[in-house]
Amino acid sequence: MKKIYLFVLKSYAGPFVLTFFIALFILLMQFLWKYIDDLVGKGLELDVVLRLLFYAGATFVPMALPLAILLSSLMTFGNLGEHYELVAMKSAGISVWKVMRPLVWLSVGISIFAFFFSNNLLPVANLKFQSLLYDVRQQKLAFNINEGIFYNGIENYVIRVGEKDNDGRTIYDVHIYDHTDRLGNIKVTTASSGYMELSHDHKSIIFTLFDGYSYTEVMSTRNYRENRPFERTAFKQQRLKFDLSEFDLTRTQEDLFKSHYTMLNIKQLNYYIDSLNMRLADRRMRYEENFIRRFNHLSTLDTTIKTNQSVLKPNERRNAEAASVSDTDTTKTAPKGPLMPVLENFPPNERVAVADLAINSVRTTKDNIVFNKNDFAVQLENIRKHEWVWHKKFTLSFACLILFFIGAPMGAIIRKGGLGLPVVISVLFFVAYHITSITGEKAAKVGDLSMFTGVWLSSMVLLPVGLFLAFKATTDASLLDADSWRKYFNRIALALRLKKAAT
């Protein structure tokens, strides 16, 4: 029995390693296509690119690992069934479940490793990857001057080269605009030819120019705006040095990214979730106390009284304004119409001002309520994101087990190995798992589903499928046998014909 276990493990190890690295490679290629514009042309050193790819690959493990388990288990049992090795084991009295037993324990071990990776290594990988990617995306393009194009990569300078030799260093028709004074093009250097070279420490670039002029507008004299004086200096040779330190990759402190929810382990997530919940509860309590203290008179209002939506009709507003600008006459009658009982306590010439004051107060209160409502929603969303990451620490391990119990029985049923039909079936199952997972997680993040239901939705959907396939495989059910299905439908058709003939 141990030899059979060792044989099954060897048959499983090769496809598992192969499919894992293939899936990881495909995900890395997707990453490169997505960020190709941020990587090309910046003169990044090889070690920076390799570190970025390594950290990116580590963040893709949670997606590549379940796919590798599904595909490799399906290929392994498909090969055993295709070469009748599974049939030989069954004839020797070894059931499919016993054949699967070593791979079940291996899958449990992989699931434990997946949890350890997700809780301890993935936050570090996310931190390294996101911080390095941020620095790379902020990095300037490498120093590269093209013919006939104004180059402004060096701060406070604009350089134009009319022509370059094939050696890449000899240049002609050079124009250099100095903007260090922030006063426009008041300093310009031109030259008929020259050459470029890097300094020994590669921190600067040196322009050696020949047969040129330096023009400077004089801004310190009186009436310079009318006279426009300038200085012109001719030179046979001139050397200009430009600092290239800003083109070096500067690393941002990783502490600035550590508090992000994707870079926390379970212990840290528990601390942050408790802190955020306490902060939100305290925020709500203080807002309710302030609201009740500010509008405590609302409890004395009779809400059964129905009033018109507009406080004053247009004709009443015009009459009230006319009354306010006319001479004060205590005998003047108030505007006719359905006024609110509160406004009837004020003189007619003050009712419009009182109504406007009330409307402005209501608008301010409404804006305050909307602001606090949006603030509460943002804090709740932040809490839900932390809870989402907390649940994702466990779903990866569970997904590895579920997809194994889908792939292994399916391979024993279809009895096809290789990279043909197993790949198609694996992709279909994995796409269903991934779409269900994304849909549930998005619904949980916005609050349409509870966080547990949303994050574990894909596992809830695929777990019965895995148990059903395992039951069919262990009972030697011909689930995907075309002849069995044909006979089944023929029996149904025969039964229908006999029933019709009897009636």
Protein backbone atom coordinates (compact mmCIF):
# COMPACT_ATOMS: atom_id res chain seq x y z
CA MET A 1 0.00 0.00 0.00
CA LYS A 2 2.86 2.39 0.80
CA LYS A 3 4.31 1.87 -2.67
CA ILE A 4 0.98 2.86 -4.19
CA TYR A 5 0.86 5.96 -2.00
CA LEU A 6 4.40 6.88 -3.08
CA PHE A 7 3.47 6.26 -6.72
CA VAL A 8 0.41 8.52 -6.47
CA LEU A 9 2.41 11.26 -4.75
CA LYS A 10 5.09 11.15 -7.45
CA SER A 11 2.43 11.28 -10.14
CA TYR A 12 0.90 14.32 -8.45
CA ALA A 13 4.09 16.28 -7.65
CA GLY A 14 5.17 16.85 -11.26
CA PRO A 15 1.87 18.28 -12.57
CA PHE A 16 1.44 20.34 -9.40
CA VAL A 17 4.81 22.10 -9.68
CA LEU A 18 4.37 22.54 -13.44
CA THR A 19 0.85 24.00 -13.28
CA PHE A 20 1.71 26.23 -10.31
CA PHE A 21 4.60 27.93 -12.10
CA ILE A 22 2.64 28.14 -15.36
CA ALA A 23 -0.22 29.89 -13.58
CA LEU A 24 2.24 32.17 -11.78
CA PHE A 25 3.95 33.00 -15.06
CA ILE A 26 0.66 33.88 -16.73
CA LEU A 27 -0.28 36.17 -13.84
CA LEU A 28 3.13 37.84 -13.99
CA MET A 29 2.70 38.44 -17.71
CA GLN A 30 -0.65 40.06 -16.98
CA PHE A 31 1.08 42.27 -14.41
CA LEU A 32 3.75 43.29 -16.91
CA TRP A 33 1.19 44.18 -19.58
CA LYS A 34 -0.73 46.24 -17.05
CA TYR A 35 2.26 48.25 -15.83
CA ILE A 36 4.45 48.16 -18.94
CA ASP A 37 4.14 51.94 -19.42
CA ASP A 38 5.39 52.54 -15.87
CA LEU A 39 8.45 50.30 -16.28
CA VAL A 40 9.80 50.96 -19.77
CA GLY A 41 12.21 53.79 -20.43
CA LYS A 42 13.16 54.55 -16.81
CA GLY A 43 16.58 52.93 -16.76
CA LEU A 44 15.70 50.57 -13.92
CA GLU A 45 18.48 48.31 -12.78
CA LEU A 46 18.12 44.56 -13.15
CA ASP A 47 17.95 43.90 -9.42
CA VAL A 48 15.06 46.38 -9.06
CA VAL A 49 13.08 44.67 -11.84
CA LEU A 50 13.78 41.20 -10.41
CA ARG A 51 12.73 42.27 -6.90
CA LEU A 52 9.54 43.80 -8.29
CA LEU A 53 8.69 40.60 -10.18
CA PHE A 54 9.52 38.46 -7.13
CA TYR A 55 7.26 40.48 -4.83
CA ALA A 56 4.52 40.58 -7.47
CA GLY A 57 4.76 36.80 -7.89
CA ALA A 58 4.41 36.35 -4.13
CA THR A 59 1.19 38.38 -4.15
CA PHE A 60 -0.20 36.16 -6.94
CA VAL A 61 0.26 32.92 -4.98
CA PRO A 62 -3.30 33.04 -3.50
CA MET A 63 -4.67 32.89 -7.03
CA ALA A 64 -2.15 30.49 -8.58
CA LEU A 65 -2.16 27.91 -5.77
CA PRO A 66 -5.86 26.86 -5.93
CA LEU A 67 -5.71 26.70 -9.73
CA ALA A 68 -2.59 24.51 -9.57
CA ILE A 69 -4.22 22.13 -7.08
CA LEU A 70 -7.36 21.84 -9.20
CA LEU A 71 -5.52 21.24 -12.48
CA SER A 72 -2.82 18.92 -11.11
CA SER A 73 -5.28 16.71 -9.21
CA LEU A 74 -7.48 16.46 -12.29
CA MET A 75 -4.48 15.61 -14.50
CA THR A 76 -3.13 13.04 -12.03
CA PHE A 77 -6.33 11.01 -11.70
CA GLY A 78 -7.10 11.54 -15.36
CA ASN A 79 -3.76 9.95 -16.28
CA LEU A 80 -4.35 7.08 -13.83
CA GLY A 81 -7.76 6.43 -15.36
CA GLU A 82 -6.58 6.82 -18.97
CA HIS A 83 -3.78 4.27 -18.53
CA TYR A 84 -6.08 1.86 -16.61
CA GLU A 85 -3.91 2.11 -13.51
CA LEU A 86 -6.92 3.20 -11.50
CA VAL A 87 -8.84 0.18 -12.79
CA ALA A 88 -5.99 -2.11 -11.73
CA MET A 89 -6.03 -0.63 -8.22
CA LYS A 90 -9.78 -1.11 -7.99
CA SER A 91 -9.47 -4.73 -9.13
CA ALA A 92 -6.92 -5.27 -6.35
CA GLY A 93 -9.47 -4.13 -3.81
CA ILE A 94 -8.18 -0.57 -3.40
CA SER A 95 -10.97 1.97 -3.58
CA VAL A 96 -10.68 5.43 -5.10
CA TRP A 97 -10.89 6.92 -1.64
CA LYS A 98 -7.83 4.97 -0.50
CA VAL A 99 -5.97 6.10 -3.62
CA MET A 100 -6.88 9.69 -2.83
CA ARG A 101 -5.88 9.40 0.83
CA PRO A 102 -2.18 10.47 0.49
CA LEU A 103 -3.19 13.42 -1.70
CA VAL A 104 -5.85 14.41 0.83
CA TRP A 105 -3.22 14.62 3.55
CA LEU A 106 -0.92 16.48 1.17
CA SER A 107 -3.73 18.93 0.38
CA VAL A 108 -4.30 19.46 4.10
CA GLY A 109 -0.60 20.23 4.48
CA ILE A 110 -0.75 22.65 1.54
CA SER A 111 -3.81 24.31 3.10
CA ILE A 112 -1.93 24.78 6.39
CA PHE A 113 0.98 26.28 4.47
CA ALA A 114 -1.48 28.50 2.54
CA PHE A 115 -2.85 29.84 5.82
CA PHE A 116 0.66 30.49 7.15
CA PHE A 117 1.59 32.19 3.88
CA SER A 118 -1.56 34.30 3.81
CA ASN A 119 -1.19 35.40 7.43
CA ASN A 120 2.57 35.91 7.75
CA LEU A 121 4.23 36.17 4.34
CA LEU A 122 1.56 37.76 2.15
CA PRO A 123 1.34 41.01 4.21
CA VAL A 124 5.11 41.44 3.92
CA ALA A 125 5.01 40.69 0.19
CA ASN A 126 2.20 43.22 -0.29
CA LEU A 127 4.16 45.83 1.65
CA LYS A 128 7.35 45.30 -0.37
CA PHE A 129 5.50 45.08 -3.67
CA GLN A 130 3.25 48.12 -3.22
CA SER A 131 6.00 50.36 -1.87
CA LEU A 132 8.46 49.39 -4.63
CA LEU A 133 5.78 49.70 -7.34
CA TYR A 134 4.86 53.15 -6.03
CA ASP A 135 8.49 54.28 -6.22
CA VAL A 136 8.91 52.85 -9.72
CA ARG A 137 5.76 54.58 -10.97
CA GLN A 138 6.98 57.88 -9.50
CA GLN A 139 10.39 57.44 -11.09
CA LYS A 140 11.22 59.79 -13.98
CA LEU A 141 12.01 58.47 -17.44
CA ALA A 142 15.68 57.85 -18.10
CA PHE A 143 17.74 60.69 -19.54
CA ASN A 144 17.25 60.44 -23.30
CA ILE A 145 17.37 63.40 -25.69
CA ASN A 146 15.91 62.84 -29.16
CA GLU A 147 16.56 64.91 -32.28
CA GLY A 148 14.35 67.94 -32.84
CA ILE A 149 12.38 67.51 -29.58
CA PHE A 150 12.38 69.82 -26.60
CA TYR A 151 13.47 67.75 -23.60
CA ASN A 152 12.37 68.98 -20.15
CA GLY A 153 13.34 65.97 -18.02
CA ILE A 154 15.96 67.96 -16.12
CA GLU A 155 14.34 70.33 -13.64
CA ASN A 156 14.45 74.03 -14.62
CA TYR A 157 16.09 73.31 -17.98
CA VAL A 158 14.79 72.69 -21.49
CA ILE A 159 17.20 71.21 -24.04
CA ARG A 160 16.79 70.89 -27.79
CA VAL A 161 19.22 69.05 -30.07
CA GLY A 162 18.85 69.46 -33.80
CA GLU A 163 20.87 66.38 -34.81
CA LYS A 164 22.78 63.51 -33.18
CA ASP A 165 25.54 61.32 -34.58
CA ASN A 166 25.33 57.57 -34.62
CA ASP A 167 27.64 57.39 -31.61
CA GLY A 168 24.83 58.90 -29.47
CA ARG A 169 27.10 61.51 -27.86
CA THR A 170 27.97 64.02 -30.60
CA ILE A 171 25.27 66.65 -31.03
CA TYR A 172 24.62 69.61 -33.33
CA ASP A 173 22.49 72.76 -33.27
CA VAL A 174 22.10 72.80 -29.49
CA HIS A 175 19.70 75.10 -27.60
CA ILE A 176 19.63 75.13 -23.78
CA TYR A 177 17.00 77.22 -21.94
CA ASP A 178 17.77 78.04 -18.30
CA HIS A 179 14.62 78.51 -16.16
CA THR A 180 16.29 78.47 -12.74
CA ASP A 181 15.24 82.11 -12.10
CA ARG A 182 11.59 81.25 -12.88
CA LEU A 183 11.31 84.33 -15.14
CA GLY A 184 10.86 82.61 -18.48
CA ASN A 185 13.40 82.28 -21.30
CA ILE A 186 15.76 85.00 -20.10
CA LYS A 187 18.86 82.75 -20.29
CA VAL A 188 19.52 80.83 -23.50
CA THR A 189 22.67 79.05 -24.65
CA THR A 190 23.17 78.02 -28.26
CA ALA A 191 25.98 76.09 -29.89
CA SER A 192 26.73 74.72 -33.32
CA SER A 193 28.07 71.40 -32.00
CA GLY A 194 29.16 69.56 -28.90
CA TYR A 195 29.12 66.20 -27.17
CA MET A 196 27.57 64.62 -24.07
CA GLU A 197 29.27 62.39 -21.54
CA LEU A 198 28.53 61.00 -18.10
CA SER A 199 30.66 61.80 -15.10
CA HIS A 200 32.77 59.07 -13.50
CA ASP A 201 30.23 58.51 -10.72
CA HIS A 202 27.31 58.52 -13.21
CA LYS A 203 25.61 61.19 -11.10
CA SER A 204 25.92 64.01 -13.65
CA ILE A 205 25.93 64.60 -17.40
CA ILE A 206 28.41 67.04 -18.91
CA PHE A 207 27.73 69.01 -22.10
CA THR A 208 30.84 70.28 -23.89
CA LEU A 209 29.69 72.90 -26.40
CA PHE A 210 31.64 74.56 -29.25
CA ASP A 211 31.19 77.84 -31.17
CA GLY A 212 28.13 79.25 -29.46
CA TYR A 213 26.55 82.16 -27.67
CA SER A 214 24.96 82.76 -24.29
CA TYR A 215 22.08 85.26 -24.19
CA THR A 216 20.84 86.82 -20.95
CA GLU A 217 18.12 89.42 -20.60
CA VAL A 218 19.09 92.08 -18.05
CA MET A 219 16.25 92.47 -15.54
CA SER A 220 18.04 94.62 -12.94
CA THR A 221 18.17 97.98 -14.80
CA ARG A 222 15.49 100.66 -14.79
CA ASN A 223 12.89 100.64 -17.56
CA TYR A 224 14.05 97.21 -18.68
CA ARG A 225 10.56 96.40 -19.89
CA GLU A 226 10.74 99.20 -22.47
CA ASN A 227 14.44 99.00 -23.37
CA ARG A 228 14.78 95.18 -23.26
CA PRO A 229 18.55 95.12 -22.68
CA PHE A 230 20.40 91.81 -22.94
CA GLU A 231 23.91 90.44 -22.77
CA ARG A 232 25.47 88.22 -25.39
CA THR A 233 28.60 86.21 -24.70
CA ALA A 234 30.41 84.30 -27.42
CA PHE A 235 32.47 81.24 -26.61
CA LYS A 236 34.66 78.77 -28.43
CA GLN A 237 34.15 76.05 -25.84
CA GLN A 238 31.88 75.82 -22.81
CA ARG A 239 31.15 73.02 -20.36
CA LEU A 240 27.77 72.67 -18.64
CA LYS A 241 27.11 70.13 -15.92
CA PHE A 242 23.62 68.84 -15.04
CA ASP A 243 22.77 66.83 -11.95
CA LEU A 244 21.13 63.44 -12.65
CA SER A 245 20.49 62.41 -9.05
CA GLU A 246 16.77 62.99 -9.53
CA PHE A 247 16.76 60.13 -12.05
CA ASP A 248 17.87 57.66 -9.38
CA LEU A 249 15.21 55.47 -7.81
CA THR A 250 14.36 56.97 -4.41
CA ARG A 251 12.75 54.59 -1.94
CA THR A 252 9.78 55.70 0.13
CA GLN A 253 9.70 54.67 3.79
CA GLU A 254 7.71 51.46 4.10
CA ASP A 255 6.21 52.64 7.39
CA LEU A 256 3.88 54.86 5.36
CA PHE A 257 2.21 51.74 3.88
CA LYS A 258 2.18 49.44 6.92
CA SER A 259 -1.24 50.48 8.19
CA HIS A 260 -3.03 49.43 4.99
CA TYR A 261 -5.44 46.56 5.57
CA THR A 262 -3.81 44.29 2.95
CA MET A 263 -0.52 44.45 4.87
CA LEU A 264 -1.77 43.25 8.26
CA ASN A 265 -1.89 39.79 9.85
CA ILE A 266 -4.81 38.39 11.85
CA LYS A 267 -3.60 39.79 15.17
CA GLN A 268 -3.17 43.26 13.71
CA LEU A 269 -6.50 43.04 11.89
CA ASN A 270 -8.30 42.18 15.13
CA TYR A 271 -6.72 45.21 16.80
CA TYR A 272 -7.62 47.54 13.93
CA ILE A 273 -11.18 46.23 13.62
CA ASP A 274 -11.82 46.72 17.34
CA SER A 275 -10.29 50.20 17.25
CA LEU A 276 -12.29 51.25 14.20
CA ASN A 277 -15.55 49.94 15.69
CA MET A 278 -14.92 51.77 18.95
CA ARG A 279 -14.06 54.97 17.07
CA LEU A 280 -17.20 54.72 14.96
CA ALA A 281 -19.40 54.06 18.02
CA ASP A 282 -17.87 57.03 19.83
CA ARG A 283 -18.32 59.21 16.76
CA ARG A 284 -21.99 58.27 16.46
CA MET A 285 -22.65 58.81 20.15
CA ARG A 286 -21.09 62.29 20.11
CA TYR A 287 -23.03 63.22 16.98
CA GLU A 288 -26.34 62.06 18.49
CA GLU A 289 -25.66 63.99 21.70
CA ASN A 290 -24.83 67.16 19.79
CA PHE A 291 -27.85 66.78 17.55
CA ILE A 292 -30.24 66.29 20.48
CA ARG A 293 -28.66 69.21 22.37
CA ARG A 294 -28.98 71.49 19.35
CA PHE A 295 -32.48 70.52 18.31
CA ASN A 296 -34.08 69.59 21.62
CA HIS A 297 -37.03 71.87 20.79
CA LEU A 298 -38.09 69.48 18.01
CA SER A 299 -39.55 67.14 20.59
CA THR A 300 -42.12 69.82 21.54
CA LEU A 301 -43.44 70.33 18.00
CA ASP A 302 -46.81 68.93 17.02
CA THR A 303 -46.02 66.83 13.98
CA THR A 304 -49.71 66.26 13.23
CA ILE A 305 -50.08 69.83 11.87
CA LYS A 306 -49.79 69.85 8.09
CA THR A 307 -48.45 73.02 6.51
CA ASN A 308 -47.84 74.13 2.98
CA GLN A 309 -44.42 73.23 1.60
CA SER A 310 -43.65 76.87 0.72
CA VAL A 311 -43.63 79.17 3.69
CA LEU A 312 -44.80 82.18 1.71
CA LYS A 313 -46.46 82.32 -1.63
CA PRO A 314 -44.91 84.65 -4.23
CA ASN A 315 -47.63 87.31 -3.80
CA GLU A 316 -47.26 87.15 -0.02
CA ARG A 317 -43.47 87.55 -0.35
CA ARG A 318 -43.92 90.65 -2.56
CA ASN A 319 -46.44 92.16 -0.14
CA ALA A 320 -44.16 91.52 2.82
CA GLU A 321 -41.17 93.08 1.05
CA ALA A 322 -43.28 96.10 0.13
CA ALA A 323 -44.35 96.41 3.74
CA SER A 324 -40.71 96.28 4.91
CA VAL A 325 -39.59 99.16 2.64
CA SER A 326 -42.58 101.40 3.28
CA ASP A 327 -42.91 103.62 6.26
CA THR A 328 -43.66 101.79 9.45
CA ASP A 329 -47.40 101.73 9.93
CA THR A 330 -48.62 99.68 12.84
CA THR A 331 -52.09 99.63 11.36
CA LYS A 332 -50.94 97.95 8.12
CA THR A 333 -52.61 94.62 7.65
CA ALA A 334 -50.61 91.42 7.24
CA PRO A 335 -50.58 89.58 3.91
CA LYS A 336 -53.49 87.30 3.43
CA GLY A 337 -52.88 83.61 3.00
CA PRO A 338 -52.14 80.39 4.88
CA LEU A 339 -49.16 81.42 7.05
CA MET A 340 -47.46 79.08 9.46
CA PRO A 341 -48.54 79.66 13.07
CA VAL A 342 -44.97 80.59 14.07
CA LEU A 343 -44.71 83.35 11.48
CA GLU A 344 -48.00 84.91 12.62
CA ASN A 345 -46.21 85.97 15.81
CA PHE A 346 -43.93 88.31 13.80
CA PRO A 347 -44.79 91.61 12.11
CA PRO A 348 -45.50 91.31 8.38
CA ASN A 349 -42.36 93.21 7.39
CA GLU A 350 -40.14 90.70 9.28
CA ARG A 351 -41.71 87.46 8.11
CA VAL A 352 -39.65 87.15 4.94
CA ALA A 353 -36.38 87.62 6.82
CA VAL A 354 -37.47 85.12 9.46
CA ALA A 355 -38.44 82.61 6.75
CA ASP A 356 -35.10 83.06 4.93
CA LEU A 357 -33.22 82.60 8.18
CA ALA A 358 -35.14 79.41 8.90
CA ILE A 359 -34.51 78.07 5.37
CA ASN A 360 -30.76 78.77 5.62
CA SER A 361 -30.66 77.08 9.01
CA VAL A 362 -32.44 74.01 7.60
CA ARG A 363 -30.03 73.86 4.66
CA THR A 364 -27.02 74.07 6.95
CA THR A 365 -28.44 71.33 9.15
CA LYS A 366 -29.16 69.17 6.10
CA ASP A 367 -25.60 69.59 4.81
CA ASN A 368 -24.29 68.65 8.23
CA ILE A 369 -26.46 65.53 8.32
CA VAL A 370 -25.38 64.51 4.79
CA PHE A 371 -21.71 65.05 5.66
CA ASN A 372 -21.92 62.92 8.79
CA LYS A 373 -23.90 60.25 6.95
CA ASN A 374 -21.19 60.02 4.28
CA ASP A 375 -18.50 59.98 6.96
CA PHE A 376 -20.22 57.10 8.75
CA ALA A 377 -20.51 55.24 5.44
CA VAL A 378 -16.78 55.68 4.73
CA GLN A 379 -15.85 54.41 8.19
CA LEU A 380 -18.16 51.41 7.82
CA GLU A 381 -16.64 50.61 4.43
CA ASN A 382 -13.16 50.78 5.95
CA ILE A 383 -14.21 48.36 8.69
CA ARG A 384 -15.72 46.00 6.12
CA LYS A 385 -12.46 46.02 4.13
CA HIS A 386 -10.50 44.98 7.22
CA GLU A 387 -13.03 42.23 7.91
CA TRP A 388 -12.79 41.12 4.28
CA VAL A 389 -9.01 40.67 4.55
CA TRP A 390 -9.50 38.83 7.85
CA HIS A 391 -11.80 36.28 6.22
CA LYS A 392 -9.54 35.97 3.16
CA LYS A 393 -6.82 34.58 5.43
CA PHE A 394 -8.95 31.44 5.81
CA THR A 395 -10.71 31.18 2.44
CA LEU A 396 -7.44 30.44 0.62
CA SER A 397 -6.83 27.32 2.71
CA PHE A 398 -10.42 26.15 2.36
CA ALA A 399 -10.38 26.79 -1.40
CA CYS A 400 -7.34 24.52 -1.78
CA LEU A 401 -9.23 21.64 -0.17
CA ILE A 402 -12.46 22.24 -2.08
CA LEU A 403 -10.77 22.44 -5.48
CA PHE A 404 -8.83 19.26 -4.75
CA PHE A 405 -12.08 17.43 -4.00
CA ILE A 406 -13.40 18.74 -7.31
CA GLY A 407 -10.33 17.99 -9.42
CA ALA A 408 -9.44 14.51 -8.17
CA PRO A 409 -12.93 12.94 -8.53
CA MET A 410 -13.45 14.70 -11.85
CA GLY A 411 -10.19 13.24 -13.16
CA ALA A 412 -11.22 9.76 -12.01
CA ILE A 413 -14.56 10.18 -13.78
CA ILE A 414 -13.43 11.61 -17.14
CA ARG A 415 -10.31 9.37 -17.31
CA LYS A 416 -8.42 11.83 -19.50
CA GLY A 417 -4.96 13.14 -18.67
CA GLY A 418 -2.59 15.61 -20.25
CA LEU A 419 -3.23 19.29 -20.93
CA GLY A 420 -6.31 18.94 -23.11
CA LEU A 421 -9.70 18.25 -21.58
CA PRO A 422 -8.43 18.61 -17.98
CA VAL A 423 -7.31 22.17 -18.67
CA VAL A 424 -10.70 23.08 -20.14
CA ILE A 425 -12.61 21.61 -17.19
CA SER A 426 -10.22 23.17 -14.67
CA VAL A 427 -10.55 26.59 -16.23
CA LEU A 428 -14.35 26.34 -16.19
CA PHE A 429 -14.43 25.41 -12.50
CA PHE A 430 -11.84 28.02 -11.57
CA VAL A 431 -13.64 30.77 -13.50
CA ALA A 432 -16.87 29.82 -11.72
CA TYR A 433 -15.05 29.93 -8.38
CA HIS A 434 -13.36 33.25 -9.15
CA ILE A 435 -16.49 34.99 -10.45
CA THR A 436 -18.55 33.81 -7.51
CA SER A 437 -15.83 34.94 -5.12
CA ILE A 438 -15.52 38.41 -6.66
CA THR A 439 -19.29 38.88 -6.79
CA GLY A 440 -19.77 37.90 -3.16
CA GLU A 441 -16.86 40.00 -1.94
CA LYS A 442 -18.06 43.11 -3.76
CA ALA A 443 -21.55 42.67 -2.36
CA ALA A 444 -20.08 42.26 1.13
CA LYS A 445 -17.89 45.35 0.82
CA VAL A 446 -20.85 47.60 -0.03
CA GLY A 447 -22.99 46.03 2.69
CA ASP A 448 -25.50 44.15 0.50
CA LEU A 449 -24.41 40.85 2.07
CA SER A 450 -22.92 40.00 5.41
CA MET A 451 -19.15 39.71 5.31
CA PHE A 452 -19.18 35.99 6.13
CA THR A 453 -21.74 35.19 3.42
CA GLY A 454 -20.04 37.33 0.79
CA VAL A 455 -16.50 36.08 1.31
CA TRP A 456 -17.45 32.43 1.77
CA LEU A 457 -20.05 32.39 -1.02
CA SER A 458 -17.75 30.66 -3.53
CA SER A 459 -16.86 27.99 -0.98
CA MET A 460 -20.54 27.46 -0.14
CA VAL A 461 -21.34 27.00 -3.84
CA LEU A 462 -18.46 24.67 -4.72
CA LEU A 463 -18.40 22.55 -1.55
CA PRO A 464 -21.59 20.61 -2.48
CA VAL A 465 -20.20 20.15 -6.00
CA GLY A 466 -16.98 18.67 -4.59
CA LEU A 467 -18.83 16.34 -2.24
CA PHE A 468 -21.14 15.21 -5.05
CA LEU A 469 -18.22 14.47 -7.39
CA ALA A 470 -16.34 12.63 -4.62
CA PHE A 471 -19.41 10.48 -3.95
CA LYS A 472 -19.82 9.68 -7.65
CA ALA A 473 -16.15 8.82 -8.05
CA THR A 474 -16.02 6.52 -5.03
CA THR A 475 -19.20 4.71 -6.15
CA ASP A 476 -17.90 4.23 -9.73
CA ALA A 477 -20.79 6.21 -11.16
CA SER A 478 -20.62 6.83 -14.90
CA LEU A 479 -21.30 10.52 -14.61
CA LEU A 480 -19.69 11.62 -17.89
CA ASP A 481 -20.03 8.38 -19.86
CA ALA A 482 -21.82 9.19 -23.12
CA ASP A 483 -23.13 5.62 -23.55
CA SER A 484 -24.65 5.62 -20.07
CA TRP A 485 -26.45 8.91 -20.69
CA ARG A 486 -27.63 7.66 -24.09
CA LYS A 487 -29.08 4.52 -22.52
CA TYR A 488 -30.69 6.62 -19.77
CA PHE A 489 -32.45 8.91 -22.24
CA ASN A 490 -33.46 5.95 -24.40
CA ARG A 491 -35.16 4.37 -21.38
CA ILE A 492 -37.01 7.63 -20.70
CA ALA A 493 -38.11 7.85 -24.34
CA LEU A 494 -39.25 4.21 -24.31
CA ALA A 495 -41.21 4.78 -21.12
CA LEU A 496 -42.95 7.81 -22.66
CA ARG A 497 -43.85 5.88 -25.80
CA LEU A 498 -45.27 2.97 -23.77
CA LYS A 499 -47.29 5.39 -21.66
CA LYS A 500 -48.63 7.08 -24.77
CA ALA A 501 -49.52 3.73 -26.38
CA ALA A 502 -51.33 2.62 -23.24
CA THR A 503 -53.48 5.75 -23.23
